[in-house]
Amino acid sequence: MTRRFPALGLLLALTLSACGGAATPPAASSAASSASASAAASSRSAGAAVPSSSPSGSPYAPRAYTAQPLSPPVTVKGIDTGLTGLIGVYEALDRGYFKDEGLDVQLTSSNDTAVSAQMVATGQVAFENLSPDPVFFNAMDRGIDLKIVASSVISGPNNRTAVFLVRQDLIDSGRYKAPADLKGMKVAAGPVSYPSIDRVLTMGGLTMQDVDMVNLTPPAMFAAFKNKGIDAAWLTEPLATQANVQHLAKTVITSGQVLSGVVAAAVIMAPSFLKDRPDAAQHLLIAYVRGLRDYYHAFDKKDASDALRAQVVQTFIKHTAVKNPALYTQIGLPEVDPNGAADPTQSWENVYEASYLQHGLIQHKVDLSKHVDFSILNSALSKLGRET
């Protein structure tokens, strides 16, 4: 794997003025419920269904698959966020699944959603893992034909990849006991977390007009908890766990409690890549799904061998900021669909887009169905088989 750190020039007109330019890193705060994922899978079924685990008593073993690699190999560039939600890509890299398909995948590090979206839109990179950020909706509103080709992070009611925390001293003193007590408090969040904050405040009969909202990046939120610069925040992992462990703040509401049943992140591809190299796009998704299934069985379904689970932990350690293997038994990790087939259309429109419109982060409603295309994923699954 090659990681390249480009000099970032002038952005295209993708950046949303209401966001102030740089967006926060994608918050893995939500996803599609198992029912939604199943419905999406059924509506887009392709290929023979295969069991999601081995016979009772034995660890998961993937279905036999023989790759037919592209020749000569094709170089494909993608965005590296360093976040746990990219585990399908990281596994495909470390296990050689991309190489099996005749792909040389090179990742460029970026935690700026506006920059990443620009790079995909202009074909500088072929793909990225994107949360439903206002930048994405505004790009589509401006006519950029970004395509959602697979799901990555999904969520059920127990999801806690992002959480709402209140400063520990406010809880200890009794100042905070329930969401209604947030009135007048300083609450931090990034734009992509506004739908989550909306629902937290609704629990207390409040709106954003009842609190002092500040936009901060996750690292800035952590620092603000330390110096008591904020009272509460919607914070992603692993910083959320670190804030709890250091007794700076305490989790009071999880992502699963407020946004269960929505898709938190999905794979998008550049229009030029899909047009010029649909064969490479299919091979990319084959490798991606194989990586996604490693993680799914190791951490979501928990029917993988100890060796596979340990290997996935090492992949996390290699590619993310969390280097302590013990933390992977504590932090909230992503939930995924082993087919990558959870359709984000309904949840992104009804939850994220509706909130962004309400708060003026986007100006127009976008028909997301025009930007979701799982046809290449279905072709990939026809070769891999679809897990049930």
Protein backbone atom coordinates (compact mmCIF):
# COMPACT_ATOMS: atom_id res chain seq x y z
CA MET A 1 0.00 0.00 0.00
CA THR A 2 1.19 3.50 -0.81
CA ARG A 3 -0.02 6.48 1.20
CA ARG A 4 0.37 9.86 -0.44
CA PHE A 5 -0.12 13.23 1.17
CA PRO A 6 -1.06 15.69 -1.57
CA ALA A 7 -0.64 19.42 -1.36
CA LEU A 8 -4.19 20.66 -1.13
CA GLY A 9 -4.88 23.46 -3.59
CA LEU A 10 -7.96 25.52 -4.22
CA LEU A 11 -11.19 23.63 -3.60
CA LEU A 12 -13.87 23.43 -6.25
CA ALA A 13 -17.26 24.92 -5.48
CA LEU A 14 -18.21 21.84 -3.49
CA THR A 15 -17.59 23.40 -0.11
CA LEU A 16 -20.75 24.47 1.66
CA SER A 17 -20.53 28.04 2.89
CA ALA A 18 -22.63 27.18 5.91
CA CYS A 19 -20.04 24.59 6.91
CA GLY A 20 -17.27 27.14 6.86
CA GLY A 21 -15.05 25.07 4.56
CA ALA A 22 -13.52 22.08 6.30
CA ALA A 23 -15.93 19.48 7.54
CA THR A 24 -15.44 17.27 10.52
CA PRO A 25 -14.28 13.67 10.08
CA PRO A 26 -17.13 11.30 9.33
CA ALA A 27 -18.95 10.32 12.50
CA ALA A 28 -19.89 6.74 12.53
CA SER A 29 -23.00 7.52 14.45
CA SER A 30 -25.66 5.47 12.77
CA ALA A 31 -26.59 2.81 10.26
CA ALA A 32 -29.28 0.57 8.83
CA SER A 33 -31.12 -1.74 11.17
CA SER A 34 -30.97 -5.42 10.41
CA ALA A 35 -34.53 -5.25 9.12
CA SER A 36 -33.68 -2.38 6.78
CA ALA A 37 -30.53 -4.12 5.60
CA SER A 38 -32.44 -7.34 4.93
CA ALA A 39 -35.07 -5.48 2.96
CA ALA A 40 -32.42 -3.71 0.93
CA ALA A 41 -30.63 -6.97 0.28
CA SER A 42 -33.83 -8.64 -0.84
CA SER A 43 -34.75 -5.83 -3.19
CA ARG A 44 -31.31 -5.88 -4.76
CA SER A 45 -30.62 -9.60 -4.58
CA ALA A 46 -28.01 -11.10 -6.85
CA GLY A 47 -26.17 -14.37 -6.87
CA ALA A 48 -26.78 -17.48 -4.83
CA ALA A 49 -27.32 -17.00 -1.11
CA VAL A 50 -24.68 -18.63 1.03
CA PRO A 51 -24.71 -19.29 4.77
CA SER A 52 -23.12 -16.58 6.91
CA SER A 53 -21.37 -19.10 9.11
CA SER A 54 -20.04 -22.63 9.10
CA PRO A 55 -21.96 -25.58 10.55
CA SER A 56 -22.61 -25.34 14.27
CA GLY A 57 -19.52 -25.89 16.37
CA SER A 58 -16.94 -24.67 13.86
CA PRO A 59 -15.68 -21.13 13.18
CA TYR A 60 -16.79 -19.12 10.19
CA ALA A 61 -15.08 -20.10 6.94
CA PRO A 62 -15.57 -18.02 3.78
CA ARG A 63 -17.05 -19.65 0.72
CA ALA A 64 -14.45 -20.87 -1.76
CA TYR A 65 -13.70 -18.17 -4.29
CA THR A 66 -11.26 -18.10 -7.21
CA ALA A 67 -10.21 -14.63 -8.29
CA GLN A 68 -9.80 -13.72 -11.94
CA PRO A 69 -7.41 -10.78 -11.68
CA LEU A 70 -7.20 -7.94 -14.13
CA SER A 71 -4.13 -8.05 -16.35
CA PRO A 72 -2.19 -5.86 -16.43
CA PRO A 73 -2.87 -4.70 -12.86
CA VAL A 74 -4.86 -1.49 -12.49
CA THR A 75 -3.88 1.29 -10.09
CA VAL A 76 -6.86 2.58 -8.11
CA LYS A 77 -6.64 5.52 -5.72
CA GLY A 78 -8.86 6.06 -2.70
CA ILE A 79 -9.26 8.24 0.38
CA ASP A 80 -7.85 7.09 3.71
CA THR A 81 -9.69 8.64 6.69
CA GLY A 82 -7.91 6.58 9.34
CA LEU A 83 -11.34 5.75 10.83
CA THR A 84 -12.60 2.34 11.89
CA GLY A 85 -15.45 2.53 9.37
CA LEU A 86 -12.92 1.91 6.60
CA ILE A 87 -12.23 -1.60 7.91
CA GLY A 88 -13.47 -3.31 4.73
CA VAL A 89 -10.85 -1.47 2.70
CA TYR A 90 -8.11 -1.98 5.29
CA GLU A 91 -8.78 -5.72 5.48
CA ALA A 92 -8.77 -5.99 1.69
CA LEU A 93 -5.37 -4.29 1.66
CA ASP A 94 -3.76 -6.29 4.44
CA ARG A 95 -5.15 -9.67 3.38
CA GLY A 96 -4.19 -9.17 -0.26
CA TYR A 97 -7.76 -9.19 -1.58
CA PHE A 98 -7.16 -6.18 -3.81
CA LYS A 99 -4.00 -7.76 -5.15
CA ASP A 100 -5.97 -10.97 -5.86
CA GLU A 101 -8.19 -8.91 -8.15
CA GLY A 102 -5.31 -7.34 -10.05
CA LEU A 103 -5.61 -4.00 -8.29
CA ASP A 104 -2.90 -1.77 -6.88
CA VAL A 105 -4.90 0.28 -4.38
CA GLN A 106 -3.19 3.44 -3.15
CA LEU A 107 -4.66 5.54 -0.35
CA THR A 108 -4.37 9.29 0.13
CA SER A 109 -4.89 10.53 3.68
CA SER A 110 -7.63 13.12 4.19
CA ASN A 111 -9.97 14.00 7.04
CA ASP A 112 -11.48 16.99 5.25
CA THR A 113 -14.81 15.98 3.75
CA ALA A 114 -14.90 18.92 1.33
CA VAL A 115 -11.44 18.11 -0.01
CA SER A 116 -12.23 14.40 -0.28
CA ALA A 117 -15.49 15.03 -2.12
CA GLN A 118 -13.69 17.33 -4.54
CA MET A 119 -11.04 14.68 -5.21
CA VAL A 120 -13.67 12.04 -5.96
CA ALA A 121 -15.76 14.39 -8.09
CA THR A 122 -12.78 15.34 -10.26
CA GLY A 123 -11.43 11.80 -10.56
CA GLN A 124 -8.24 12.44 -8.57
CA VAL A 125 -9.27 9.40 -6.54
CA ALA A 126 -11.67 6.64 -7.51
CA PHE A 127 -13.47 6.04 -4.22
CA GLU A 128 -13.96 7.01 -0.61
CA ASN A 129 -15.96 5.99 2.44
CA LEU A 130 -18.31 8.89 3.12
CA SER A 131 -20.77 9.76 5.85
CA PRO A 132 -23.87 11.76 4.83
CA ASP A 133 -22.20 15.12 5.33
CA PRO A 134 -23.83 18.36 4.09
CA VAL A 135 -20.90 18.69 1.68
CA PHE A 136 -22.06 15.54 -0.11
CA PHE A 137 -25.63 16.80 -0.55
CA ASN A 138 -24.44 20.18 -1.79
CA ALA A 139 -22.10 18.55 -4.28
CA MET A 140 -25.00 16.59 -5.75
CA ASP A 141 -27.16 19.73 -5.72
CA ARG A 142 -24.52 21.39 -7.89
CA GLY A 143 -24.76 18.62 -10.45
CA ILE A 144 -21.83 16.44 -9.35
CA ASP A 145 -22.89 12.88 -10.17
CA LEU A 146 -21.31 11.08 -7.23
CA LYS A 147 -22.47 7.47 -6.97
CA ILE A 148 -23.13 5.46 -3.81
CA VAL A 149 -22.14 1.92 -4.74
CA ALA A 150 -22.15 0.01 -1.43
CA SER A 151 -22.81 0.49 2.26
CA SER A 152 -20.09 0.46 4.87
CA VAL A 153 -21.20 1.36 8.40
CA ILE A 154 -24.69 0.42 9.56
CA SER A 155 -26.25 0.49 12.99
CA GLY A 156 -28.70 -1.30 15.20
CA PRO A 157 -30.10 -0.26 18.59
CA ASN A 158 -26.90 -1.25 20.41
CA ASN A 159 -24.61 0.83 18.21
CA ARG A 160 -22.26 3.18 20.05
CA THR A 161 -19.68 4.24 17.49
CA ALA A 162 -20.59 7.80 18.47
CA VAL A 163 -22.17 8.97 21.70
CA PHE A 164 -23.51 11.99 23.52
CA LEU A 165 -21.41 12.88 26.54
CA VAL A 166 -21.93 15.34 29.39
CA ARG A 167 -19.04 16.70 31.42
CA GLN A 168 -18.39 14.52 34.45
CA ASP A 169 -18.49 17.35 37.02
CA LEU A 170 -21.93 18.43 35.79
CA ILE A 171 -23.21 14.91 36.36
CA ASP A 172 -21.50 14.60 39.76
CA SER A 173 -22.97 17.89 40.96
CA GLY A 174 -26.47 16.98 39.82
CA ARG A 175 -26.60 19.84 37.28
CA TYR A 176 -27.28 17.25 34.60
CA LYS A 177 -29.72 14.41 35.24
CA ALA A 178 -31.71 14.19 31.99
CA PRO A 179 -31.75 15.76 28.50
CA ALA A 180 -34.06 18.57 29.68
CA ASP A 181 -31.14 19.81 31.81
CA LEU A 182 -29.17 20.65 28.67
CA LYS A 183 -31.06 23.94 28.40
CA GLY A 184 -28.56 26.79 28.36
CA MET A 185 -25.54 24.48 28.12
CA LYS A 186 -22.75 24.72 25.55
CA VAL A 187 -23.03 21.71 23.24
CA ALA A 188 -20.40 20.78 20.64
CA ALA A 189 -20.96 18.88 17.41
CA GLY A 190 -19.94 18.82 13.78
CA PRO A 191 -22.52 19.43 11.02
CA VAL A 192 -22.85 15.72 10.23
CA SER A 193 -23.96 15.15 13.85
CA TYR A 194 -26.83 17.64 13.78
CA PRO A 195 -29.49 14.95 13.22
CA SER A 196 -28.20 13.13 16.32
CA ILE A 197 -28.20 16.32 18.40
CA ASP A 198 -31.73 17.10 17.21
CA ARG A 199 -32.94 13.79 18.60
CA VAL A 200 -31.04 14.09 21.87
CA LEU A 201 -32.56 17.52 22.50
CA THR A 202 -36.02 16.29 21.53
CA MET A 203 -35.78 13.78 24.38
CA GLY A 204 -35.72 16.75 26.75
CA GLY A 205 -38.34 18.77 24.91
CA LEU A 206 -35.65 21.11 23.61
CA THR A 207 -34.36 22.38 20.27
CA MET A 208 -31.00 23.81 19.21
CA GLN A 209 -32.34 27.26 20.06
CA ASP A 210 -32.34 26.20 23.73
CA VAL A 211 -28.60 25.46 23.84
CA ASP A 212 -25.38 27.19 22.85
CA MET A 213 -24.23 25.16 19.83
CA VAL A 214 -20.58 25.25 18.77
CA ASN A 215 -19.02 23.44 15.80
CA LEU A 216 -15.81 21.62 16.76
CA THR A 217 -13.77 18.73 15.42
CA PRO A 218 -13.62 15.61 17.62
CA PRO A 219 -10.06 16.34 18.88
CA ALA A 220 -11.13 19.89 19.75
CA MET A 221 -14.14 18.53 21.64
CA PHE A 222 -11.88 16.29 23.70
CA ALA A 223 -9.61 19.21 24.56
CA ALA A 224 -12.64 21.38 25.41
CA PHE A 225 -13.87 18.78 27.89
CA LYS A 226 -10.46 18.96 29.56
CA ASN A 227 -10.55 22.73 30.03
CA LYS A 228 -14.32 22.86 30.69
CA GLY A 229 -14.86 24.86 27.54
CA ILE A 230 -17.97 22.83 26.67
CA ASP A 231 -20.66 21.14 28.71
CA ALA A 232 -21.65 18.34 26.34
CA ALA A 233 -20.80 16.95 22.92
CA TRP A 234 -21.59 14.36 20.29
CA LEU A 235 -18.26 12.56 20.02
CA THR A 236 -16.99 9.66 17.93
CA GLU A 237 -14.84 6.74 19.01
CA PRO A 238 -12.15 6.25 20.19
CA LEU A 239 -12.13 9.71 21.76
CA ALA A 240 -15.47 9.02 23.42
CA THR A 241 -14.03 6.07 25.34
CA GLN A 242 -10.94 8.06 26.27
CA ALA A 243 -13.13 10.86 27.66
CA ASN A 244 -14.99 8.31 29.80
CA VAL A 245 -11.83 6.55 30.98
CA GLN A 246 -10.23 9.85 31.99
CA HIS A 247 -13.46 10.91 33.78
CA LEU A 248 -13.69 14.06 31.69
CA ALA A 249 -17.19 13.25 30.50
CA LYS A 250 -19.71 10.44 30.72
CA THR A 251 -21.75 8.83 27.97
CA VAL A 252 -25.45 9.42 28.55
CA ILE A 253 -26.93 8.55 25.12
CA THR A 254 -25.58 6.34 22.34
CA SER A 255 -25.95 6.50 18.57
CA GLY A 256 -28.07 3.36 18.63
CA GLN A 257 -30.59 5.03 20.93
CA VAL A 258 -31.21 7.99 18.64
CA LEU A 259 -30.37 6.86 15.11
CA SER A 260 -30.94 3.12 14.94
CA GLY A 261 -32.08 2.16 11.47
CA VAL A 262 -29.97 4.55 9.42
CA VAL A 263 -26.84 4.12 7.33
CA ALA A 264 -23.86 5.95 8.81
CA ALA A 265 -21.46 5.71 5.88
CA ALA A 266 -21.25 4.34 2.36
CA VAL A 267 -18.76 3.82 -0.44
CA ILE A 268 -18.93 6.41 -3.21
CA MET A 269 -17.12 6.28 -6.54
CA ALA A 270 -15.97 8.87 -9.03
CA PRO A 271 -18.18 9.21 -12.13
CA SER A 272 -15.13 9.00 -14.38
CA PHE A 273 -13.93 5.76 -12.74
CA LEU A 274 -17.32 4.09 -13.14
CA LYS A 275 -17.51 5.17 -16.77
CA ASP A 276 -13.94 4.35 -17.79
CA ARG A 277 -13.19 1.27 -15.68
CA PRO A 278 -16.40 -0.54 -14.65
CA ASP A 279 -14.40 -3.78 -14.64
CA ALA A 280 -11.97 -2.40 -12.06
CA ALA A 281 -14.90 -1.06 -10.02
CA GLN A 282 -16.40 -4.56 -9.86
CA HIS A 283 -13.10 -6.14 -8.83
CA LEU A 284 -12.70 -3.42 -6.21
CA LEU A 285 -16.08 -4.26 -4.68
CA ILE A 286 -15.34 -7.98 -4.69
CA ALA A 287 -12.22 -7.35 -2.61
CA TYR A 288 -14.04 -4.84 -0.41
CA VAL A 289 -16.87 -7.25 0.43
CA ARG A 290 -14.35 -9.97 1.30
CA GLY A 291 -12.68 -7.56 3.72
CA LEU A 292 -16.04 -6.47 5.11
CA ARG A 293 -16.96 -10.10 5.83
CA ASP A 294 -13.74 -10.72 7.75
CA TYR A 295 -14.70 -7.92 10.11
CA TYR A 296 -18.39 -8.84 10.23
CA HIS A 297 -17.70 -12.36 11.41
CA ALA A 298 -14.93 -11.34 13.79
CA PHE A 299 -16.78 -8.51 15.55
CA ASP A 300 -20.46 -8.34 14.57
CA LYS A 301 -21.52 -11.97 14.28
CA LYS A 302 -18.63 -13.16 16.48
CA ASP A 303 -18.41 -16.61 14.88
CA ALA A 304 -14.87 -16.25 13.52
CA SER A 305 -11.79 -17.97 14.86
CA ASP A 306 -9.64 -16.28 17.50
CA ALA A 307 -6.91 -16.03 14.87
CA LEU A 308 -9.11 -14.06 12.45
CA ARG A 309 -10.30 -11.76 15.22
CA ALA A 310 -6.71 -11.10 16.30
CA GLN A 311 -5.74 -10.40 12.70
CA VAL A 312 -8.56 -7.85 12.31
CA VAL A 313 -7.42 -6.12 15.50
CA GLN A 314 -3.94 -5.84 14.01
CA THR A 315 -5.46 -4.28 10.90
CA PHE A 316 -7.16 -1.68 13.09
CA ILE A 317 -3.90 -1.03 14.92
CA LYS A 318 -2.00 -0.60 11.66
CA HIS A 319 -4.42 1.82 10.03
CA THR A 320 -6.12 3.78 12.83
CA ALA A 321 -4.98 5.89 15.78
CA VAL A 322 -5.93 3.25 18.36
CA LYS A 323 -2.75 1.25 18.93
CA ASN A 324 -3.68 -0.50 22.20
CA PRO A 325 -5.27 -3.87 21.36
CA ALA A 326 -7.05 -3.97 24.72
CA LEU A 327 -9.16 -0.96 23.71
CA TYR A 328 -10.89 -3.01 21.03
CA THR A 329 -12.85 -4.76 23.76
CA GLN A 330 -14.11 -1.38 25.04
CA ILE A 331 -14.68 1.09 22.23
CA GLY A 332 -17.78 1.14 20.07
CA LEU A 333 -16.92 -0.43 16.72
CA PRO A 334 -18.88 -0.26 13.46
CA GLU A 335 -21.66 -2.59 12.47
CA VAL A 336 -21.69 -3.70 8.85
CA ASP A 337 -23.82 -5.58 6.33
CA PRO A 338 -21.74 -8.57 5.12
CA ASN A 339 -23.02 -7.93 1.59
CA GLY A 340 -22.42 -4.17 1.69
CA ALA A 341 -26.00 -3.88 0.44
CA ALA A 342 -27.81 -1.69 2.99
CA ASP A 343 -29.48 1.00 0.86
CA PRO A 344 -29.00 4.46 2.46
CA THR A 345 -31.61 6.28 0.35
CA GLN A 346 -34.51 6.42 2.80
CA SER A 347 -32.52 7.11 5.96
CA TRP A 348 -30.25 9.71 4.37
CA GLU A 349 -33.20 11.61 2.93
CA ASN A 350 -35.54 11.34 5.92
CA VAL A 351 -32.98 11.83 8.68
CA TYR A 352 -29.88 13.65 7.48
CA GLU A 353 -31.22 15.68 4.55
CA ALA A 354 -34.28 16.78 6.53
CA SER A 355 -32.10 17.99 9.42
CA TYR A 356 -29.65 19.81 7.15
CA LEU A 357 -32.49 21.61 5.40
CA GLN A 358 -33.97 22.64 8.74
CA HIS A 359 -30.68 24.11 9.94
CA GLY A 360 -29.74 25.78 6.65
CA LEU A 361 -26.72 23.55 6.02
CA ILE A 362 -28.12 22.70 2.57
CA GLN A 363 -30.45 24.79 0.43
CA HIS A 364 -32.30 22.26 -1.70
CA LYS A 365 -33.64 18.73 -1.41
CA VAL A 366 -31.75 16.19 -3.52
CA ASP A 367 -33.28 13.04 -5.01
CA LEU A 368 -30.77 10.62 -3.58
CA SER A 369 -32.16 7.65 -5.50
CA LYS A 370 -30.50 9.07 -8.62
CA HIS A 371 -27.12 8.74 -6.92
CA VAL A 372 -27.44 5.17 -5.58
CA ASP A 373 -26.33 2.44 -7.96
CA PHE A 374 -25.76 -1.05 -6.57
CA SER A 375 -25.57 -2.72 -9.99
CA ILE A 376 -21.80 -3.21 -9.84
CA LEU A 377 -22.08 -4.50 -6.26
CA ASN A 378 -24.70 -7.00 -7.43
CA SER A 379 -22.34 -8.18 -10.14
CA ALA A 380 -19.63 -8.64 -7.53
CA LEU A 381 -22.01 -10.57 -5.28
CA SER A 382 -23.00 -12.84 -8.16
CA LYS A 383 -19.41 -14.08 -8.05
CA LEU A 384 -18.95 -14.12 -4.28
CA GLY A 385 -22.42 -15.24 -3.30
CA ARG A 386 -24.71 -13.29 -1.00
CA GLU A 387 -24.65 -14.07 2.71
CA THR A 388 -27.97 -14.60 4.45
